[in-house]
Amino acid sequence: MLRALALWAVMPVLAAALVLTLYRIVRGPSAPDRVVALDLLTVVVIGMIAAYEVATDQPVYLDVAITLALVSFLGTIAFARYVERGR
């Protein structure tokens, strides 16, 4: 029951968040806005991966989600340093 809920209730909400985030990436007024939206995009994708892991009961997907989170974090830190130094 919980696994079906993960796919049928959570995935459409995350898909809507994904579409709205992609809109912000395209229409973002500045580069920092786009980077924050890109960071949000990775969080939404991590949520999708986690929901899929719950639905399929395959713990290997959590490793993928953790790796994606680490890479996203490093990218955000790199951009923050770039902005801090004053382009």
Protein backbone atom coordinates (compact mmCIF):
# COMPACT_ATOMS: atom_id res chain seq x y z
CA MET A 1 0.00 0.00 0.00
CA LEU A 2 2.76 2.44 0.93
CA ARG A 3 4.69 1.59 -2.21
CA ALA A 4 1.74 2.35 -4.44
CA LEU A 5 1.28 5.65 -2.62
CA ALA A 6 4.91 6.51 -3.31
CA LEU A 7 4.35 6.21 -7.03
CA TRP A 8 0.78 7.47 -7.46
CA ALA A 9 0.75 10.36 -4.99
CA VAL A 10 4.31 11.56 -4.61
CA MET A 11 5.57 11.29 -8.19
CA PRO A 12 2.98 13.64 -9.77
CA VAL A 13 3.68 16.26 -7.11
CA LEU A 14 7.41 15.96 -7.70
CA ALA A 15 6.86 16.10 -11.46
CA ALA A 16 4.92 19.36 -11.05
CA ALA A 17 7.75 20.74 -8.90
CA LEU A 18 10.19 19.66 -11.60
CA VAL A 19 8.28 21.56 -14.30
CA LEU A 20 8.05 24.71 -12.17
CA THR A 21 11.75 24.50 -11.36
CA LEU A 22 12.64 24.15 -15.03
CA TYR A 23 10.56 27.25 -15.72
CA ARG A 24 12.57 29.17 -13.12
CA ILE A 25 15.83 27.96 -14.63
CA VAL A 26 14.80 29.23 -18.05
CA ARG A 27 13.21 32.50 -16.89
CA GLY A 28 15.48 33.28 -13.93
CA PRO A 29 16.32 36.97 -13.89
CA SER A 30 19.89 36.43 -12.72
CA ALA A 31 22.55 33.76 -12.54
CA PRO A 32 22.21 33.20 -8.76
CA ASP A 33 18.46 32.62 -9.22
CA ARG A 34 19.21 30.01 -11.85
CA VAL A 35 21.76 28.29 -9.61
CA VAL A 36 19.30 28.12 -6.72
CA ALA A 37 16.71 26.67 -9.13
CA LEU A 38 19.27 24.15 -10.35
CA ASP A 39 19.96 23.16 -6.76
CA LEU A 40 16.22 22.77 -6.21
CA LEU A 41 16.06 20.66 -9.36
CA THR A 42 18.57 18.22 -7.90
CA VAL A 43 16.60 18.07 -4.65
CA VAL A 44 13.42 17.23 -6.58
CA VAL A 45 15.26 14.57 -8.59
CA ILE A 46 16.66 13.11 -5.36
CA GLY A 47 13.10 12.97 -4.01
CA MET A 48 12.00 11.15 -7.16
CA ILE A 49 14.82 8.66 -6.81
CA ALA A 50 13.95 8.08 -3.15
CA ALA A 51 10.27 7.56 -3.97
CA TYR A 52 11.21 5.11 -6.70
CA GLU A 53 13.46 3.28 -4.25
CA VAL A 54 10.58 2.91 -1.80
CA ALA A 55 8.27 1.69 -4.57
CA THR A 56 10.71 -0.90 -5.94
CA ASP A 57 12.48 -1.81 -2.68
CA GLN A 58 15.90 -1.50 -4.32
CA PRO A 59 18.30 0.15 -1.83
CA VAL A 60 20.94 0.72 -4.52
CA TYR A 61 18.99 3.79 -5.64
CA LEU A 62 19.72 5.50 -2.34
CA ASP A 63 23.42 5.34 -3.20
CA VAL A 64 22.65 7.15 -6.44
CA ALA A 65 20.63 9.77 -4.57
CA ILE A 66 23.40 10.37 -2.03
CA THR A 67 26.01 10.69 -4.77
CA LEU A 68 23.83 13.17 -6.65
CA ALA A 69 23.34 15.18 -3.46
CA LEU A 70 27.08 15.37 -2.84
CA VAL A 71 27.83 16.47 -6.40
CA SER A 72 25.07 19.07 -6.24
CA PHE A 73 26.39 20.39 -2.95
CA LEU A 74 29.89 20.75 -4.36
CA GLY A 75 28.55 22.56 -7.42
CA THR A 76 26.59 25.00 -5.28
CA ILE A 77 29.62 25.71 -3.11
CA ALA A 78 31.77 26.29 -6.20
CA PHE A 79 29.28 28.78 -7.61
CA ALA A 80 28.97 30.56 -4.25
CA ARG A 81 32.75 31.03 -4.19
CA TYR A 82 32.65 32.30 -7.77
CA VAL A 83 29.98 34.89 -6.90
CA GLU A 84 31.76 35.87 -3.67
CA ARG A 85 34.98 36.69 -5.51
CA GLY A 86 33.13 39.14 -7.71
CA ARG A 87 33.04 37.67 -11.21
